[in-house]
Each structure stands twice: as C-alpha cells, then as structure tokens.
Protein backbone atom coordinates (compact mmCIF):
# COMPACT_ATOMS: atom_id res chain seq x y z
CA MET A 1 7.94 15.96 13.43
CA PHE A 2 8.98 12.75 12.39
CA THR A 3 11.13 11.21 9.39
CA GLY A 4 9.08 7.83 9.14
CA ILE A 5 12.29 6.08 9.47
CA VAL A 6 11.45 3.65 12.39
CA GLN A 7 14.47 3.23 14.94
CA GLU A 8 13.41 0.18 16.60
CA THR A 9 10.59 -1.88 17.76
CA GLY A 10 9.47 -2.17 21.26
CA LYS A 11 7.02 -4.53 23.12
CA ALA A 12 3.76 -3.16 24.93
CA LYS A 13 4.47 -4.35 28.48
CA ILE A 14 1.59 -2.84 30.69
CA ILE A 15 -1.87 -1.40 29.92
CA LYS A 16 -3.76 0.19 32.22
CA THR A 17 -7.24 1.65 31.63
CA ASN A 18 -8.49 4.57 33.31
CA GLN A 19 -11.18 7.01 33.23
CA GLY A 20 -10.76 8.81 29.84
CA TYR A 21 -7.37 7.50 28.83
CA SER A 22 -5.23 4.71 29.11
CA SER A 23 -1.39 4.09 30.42
CA ILE A 24 0.75 1.97 28.28
CA GLU A 25 4.38 1.08 28.84
CA ILE A 26 6.69 0.28 25.87
CA SER A 27 10.05 -1.63 26.47
CA THR A 28 12.85 0.20 24.56
CA SER A 29 16.55 -0.28 24.27
CA SER A 30 19.20 1.84 26.30
CA LYS A 31 20.28 3.41 23.03
CA PHE A 32 16.85 4.73 22.39
CA LEU A 33 16.38 5.90 25.82
CA LYS A 34 19.76 7.89 26.08
CA GLY A 35 19.06 11.38 26.68
CA ILE A 36 15.34 11.24 26.57
CA LYS A 37 13.33 13.45 29.07
CA ILE A 38 9.70 13.49 30.33
CA GLY A 39 7.48 15.51 27.94
CA ALA A 40 9.59 14.22 24.98
CA SER A 41 7.62 13.39 21.83
CA VAL A 42 7.75 9.64 20.70
CA CYS A 43 6.34 8.28 17.70
CA VAL A 44 4.64 4.97 18.74
CA ASP A 45 3.12 2.92 15.74
CA GLY A 46 2.74 6.28 13.92
CA VAL A 47 1.19 8.19 17.02
CA CYS A 48 2.92 11.21 18.42
CA LEU A 49 2.73 10.33 22.09
CA THR A 50 4.21 12.44 25.16
CA VAL A 51 6.46 10.77 27.43
CA THR A 52 5.06 10.61 30.91
CA LYS A 53 7.43 7.94 32.66
CA ILE A 54 10.83 6.85 32.08
CA LYS A 55 12.36 3.39 33.55
CA LYS A 56 15.54 1.54 33.14
CA SER A 57 14.19 -0.20 29.76
CA SER A 58 11.12 1.02 29.12
CA LEU A 59 8.94 4.64 28.35
CA GLY A 60 5.59 5.18 29.77
CA PHE A 61 2.81 7.20 28.00
CA ASP A 62 -0.81 8.50 28.42
CA VAL A 63 -3.15 7.94 25.65
CA ILE A 64 -6.57 9.93 25.66
CA ALA A 65 -9.90 8.03 24.76
CA GLU A 66 -9.70 9.94 21.36
CA THR A 67 -6.69 8.57 20.03
CA LEU A 68 -7.44 5.10 21.31
CA LYS A 69 -10.66 5.43 19.22
CA LEU A 70 -9.04 6.96 15.93
CA THR A 71 -5.77 4.55 16.17
CA ASN A 72 -4.98 0.84 16.54
CA LEU A 73 -3.49 1.59 20.11
CA GLY A 74 -6.95 0.88 21.25
CA ARG A 75 -6.20 -2.96 20.58
CA LEU A 76 -2.79 -3.19 22.08
CA GLN A 77 -2.29 -6.04 24.24
CA ASN A 78 0.88 -7.17 26.36
CA LEU A 79 3.79 -8.23 23.92
CA THR A 80 2.38 -6.21 20.93
CA LEU A 81 5.17 -5.05 18.82
CA VAL A 82 5.16 -1.48 17.99
CA ASN A 83 7.29 0.71 15.98
CA LEU A 84 9.33 3.68 17.44
CA GLU A 85 10.81 6.84 16.35
CA ARG A 86 12.12 9.66 18.43
CA SER A 87 11.44 13.28 17.27
CA MET A 88 13.68 14.53 14.65
CA LYS A 89 16.17 17.17 15.36
CA LEU A 90 16.87 19.90 12.65
CA SER A 91 20.18 18.69 11.61
CA ASP A 92 18.68 15.05 10.96
CA GLU A 93 18.64 13.54 7.44
CA ILE A 94 15.10 13.18 6.41
CA GLY A 95 15.46 9.68 4.95
CA GLY A 96 11.66 9.04 4.56
CA HIS A 97 9.12 12.16 4.35
CA LEU A 98 7.94 14.40 7.14
CA LEU A 99 5.31 12.94 9.45
CA SER A 100 3.41 14.67 12.28
CA GLY A 101 2.21 11.80 14.15
CA HIS A 102 -1.46 12.60 13.69
CA ILE A 103 -3.29 9.88 12.26
CA GLN A 104 -6.07 10.25 9.75
CA THR A 105 -7.52 6.74 9.97
CA THR A 106 -6.87 3.30 10.22
CA GLY A 107 -6.77 0.62 7.35
CA LYS A 108 -7.13 -3.11 7.37
CA ILE A 109 -4.55 -5.59 6.18
CA SER A 110 -6.86 -7.57 3.34
CA LYS A 111 -4.06 -9.51 1.73
CA LYS A 112 -0.69 -10.52 2.82
CA LEU A 113 1.77 -12.32 0.22
CA SER A 114 5.21 -13.42 0.96
CA LEU A 115 7.22 -13.23 -2.15
CA GLY A 116 10.23 -15.23 -0.77
CA ASP A 117 13.79 -13.67 -0.31
CA HIS A 118 12.27 -11.78 2.64
CA THR A 119 10.03 -9.63 0.56
CA LEU A 120 6.40 -8.83 1.46
CA ASP A 121 3.38 -7.47 -0.31
CA LEU A 122 0.34 -5.91 1.79
CA LYS A 123 -2.96 -4.89 0.30
CA ILE A 124 -4.38 -2.31 2.52
CA THR A 125 -8.24 -1.45 2.78
CA ILE A 126 -9.16 2.07 3.79
CA PRO A 127 -12.46 3.93 4.51
CA ASN A 128 -13.93 5.02 1.21
CA LYS A 129 -13.63 8.67 2.18
CA PHE A 130 -9.81 8.73 2.04
CA LYS A 131 -9.48 7.21 -1.31
CA ASN A 132 -9.16 10.59 -3.21
CA TYR A 133 -5.85 10.94 -1.26
CA LEU A 134 -4.41 8.24 -2.56
CA MET A 135 -1.61 8.69 -5.00
CA TYR A 136 0.28 6.14 -6.94
CA LYS A 137 4.14 6.29 -5.95
CA GLY A 138 3.03 8.78 -3.51
CA TYR A 139 4.20 8.97 0.28
CA ILE A 140 2.16 7.34 3.08
CA GLY A 141 2.61 6.67 6.57
CA ILE A 142 1.80 3.05 7.95
CA ASN A 143 2.42 2.56 11.56
CA GLY A 144 4.95 5.30 11.47
CA CYS A 145 6.80 3.96 8.49
CA SER A 146 7.41 6.31 5.58
CA LEU A 147 6.34 3.88 2.52
CA THR A 148 5.30 4.29 -1.38
CA VAL A 149 1.98 3.89 -2.50
CA GLY A 150 1.56 0.71 -4.78
CA LYS A 151 -1.03 -0.04 -7.24
CA ILE A 152 -4.51 1.51 -6.47
CA SER A 153 -7.76 -0.05 -6.92
CA GLY A 154 -10.83 1.68 -5.28
CA HIS A 155 -10.21 2.22 -1.79
CA ASN A 156 -7.46 -0.33 -1.78
CA PHE A 157 -3.70 -0.06 -2.30
CA MET A 158 -0.65 -2.04 -2.38
CA LEU A 159 2.64 -1.96 -0.34
CA HIS A 160 5.75 -3.65 -1.51
CA LEU A 161 8.12 -4.14 1.37
CA ILE A 162 11.79 -4.61 1.20
CA PRO A 163 13.79 -6.83 3.57
CA GLU A 164 15.37 -3.86 5.38
CA THR A 165 11.77 -2.46 6.17
CA LEU A 166 10.79 -5.58 7.44
CA ALA A 167 13.68 -6.36 9.66
CA ILE A 168 13.28 -3.04 11.55
CA THR A 169 9.68 -2.61 11.90
CA ASN A 170 6.48 -4.61 12.96
CA LEU A 171 5.03 -4.87 9.73
CA SER A 172 6.12 -8.65 8.98
CA SER A 173 4.42 -9.53 12.27
CA LEU A 174 0.93 -8.11 11.00
CA SER A 175 -1.78 -10.77 9.96
CA GLU A 176 -4.62 -10.33 7.52
CA GLY A 177 -7.49 -8.58 9.34
CA ASP A 178 -5.09 -6.35 11.49
CA LEU A 179 -5.53 -2.64 11.62
CA VAL A 180 -2.63 0.01 10.71
CA ASN A 181 -2.44 3.40 11.73
CA ILE A 182 -2.44 5.65 8.49
CA GLU A 183 -0.98 9.22 8.15
CA ILE A 184 -1.56 10.68 4.58
CA ASP A 185 0.97 13.00 3.19
CA GLN A 186 -0.45 16.61 4.47
CA ASN A 187 0.64 18.05 0.98
CA THR A 188 -1.41 15.64 -0.97
CA ILE A 189 -4.42 16.42 1.31
CA SER A 190 -3.91 20.03 0.53
CA ILE A 191 -3.68 19.81 -3.14
CA VAL A 192 -6.96 17.33 -3.43
CA GLU A 193 -9.12 19.87 -1.15
CA THR A 194 -7.94 23.05 -3.07
CA VAL A 195 -9.00 21.46 -6.27
CA LYS A 196 -12.29 20.15 -4.98
CA LYS A 197 -13.10 23.90 -3.61
CA LEU A 198 -11.93 25.34 -6.94
CA LEU A 199 -14.17 22.96 -9.09
CA LYS A 200 -16.87 23.47 -6.62
CA LYS A 201 -16.67 27.19 -7.13
CA LEU A 202 -16.44 26.93 -10.96
CA GLY A 203 -19.70 24.80 -10.78
CA LYS A 204 -18.07 21.66 -11.90
C-alpha cells in the first residue's frame, strides 16, 4: 500500500523491450535507496512495481505487457520523469489517502493553465465509463499523487495544484495531450457499484 505522497522524482534511464515484458531502470537518490531490497514494492507513477535490480543510484523493474497496455509506462522514454514512493510502513503517517498501485485507467491532459505564483490547473479527460466514479472534492490518484477532484463536467475534471505538489512531482513537466495514470478511490467504486446493483434489483 502507498499514501499518495510522492517522495521524489526519478528519471527513466534504460528501457529494454523483451518478449512479453519490458525492463526499465529508474534513477534515484541514495536516501530513497537506503534499506531497499530486491522484491520490495515501489510506486512508479502510480503503478506498484517490484524491484528486480538495485544499483548504486538506480532501481530496476520488469513491467509485464498488461501493465504497459493499461498505464502510461508503455510510453516511457529515456529521461522521462516519474514519481516515486516506497511502500508504506504501519507506523507511517497517511498524509494523502491509501493507494494500492493498481491503475484502473489513464486520463489525458486536455488543458494546462498556469495561474502564476507557481500554481497550476489541469483539466483531465477520462474514458466515459469511469465518469460515475468521479466525486467533487473526492480523492483520486494521479501518477501516484493523492489529489482532490475539482469541478466535474461529464467525463472531465479539474485539478488545482499548489506549489509544493508541483515542486516534488512530475505534474508540472507534463503537457497537453500527455497521459496520466489514474487510480480511483476504491471506497468510491464500492459505493457506486453497490448502489447500481441495488437500483437494478429494485427495477429502477
């Protein structure tokens, strides 16, 4: 599990395509690497990946074809910035909200608006079938960041990003048309699906 509080950004260094999976290497700081072991879970742009290699200043991961298809990791290139978070400990403070690292879909940045003073608004468009899971002021995971949903219009929603978020994540480096990984709050999904089943049972 993860908290949605990004600890640092890393750069994709090596991307090797194999049969059925890709191997990627992400640069990290020595602080991030401290105590990490092979088999550990790391959230890379919101995707829970297993550490397969550890070097002096980087971590290696193998990403299966299904994950590449469902997330933006299939578009990674050398030097692409990614958000990183190590898996949480039971004693950790949950500053965001619980994330599993299991991405439901990707969204497209349809508008990027700089407001000055290092603040930014992003308009995200998601597939229509996921729009019922959007809740104004609800939680959502974007590239592994725990964020609050702003105004909703159809299958679009706004994000209002503060300077601190922009300083420690890759969100400021994204452009209109880029894809972001989206993890919808599981409690929201459960509530919506339960209500839908109940209404269907009642014939409404």
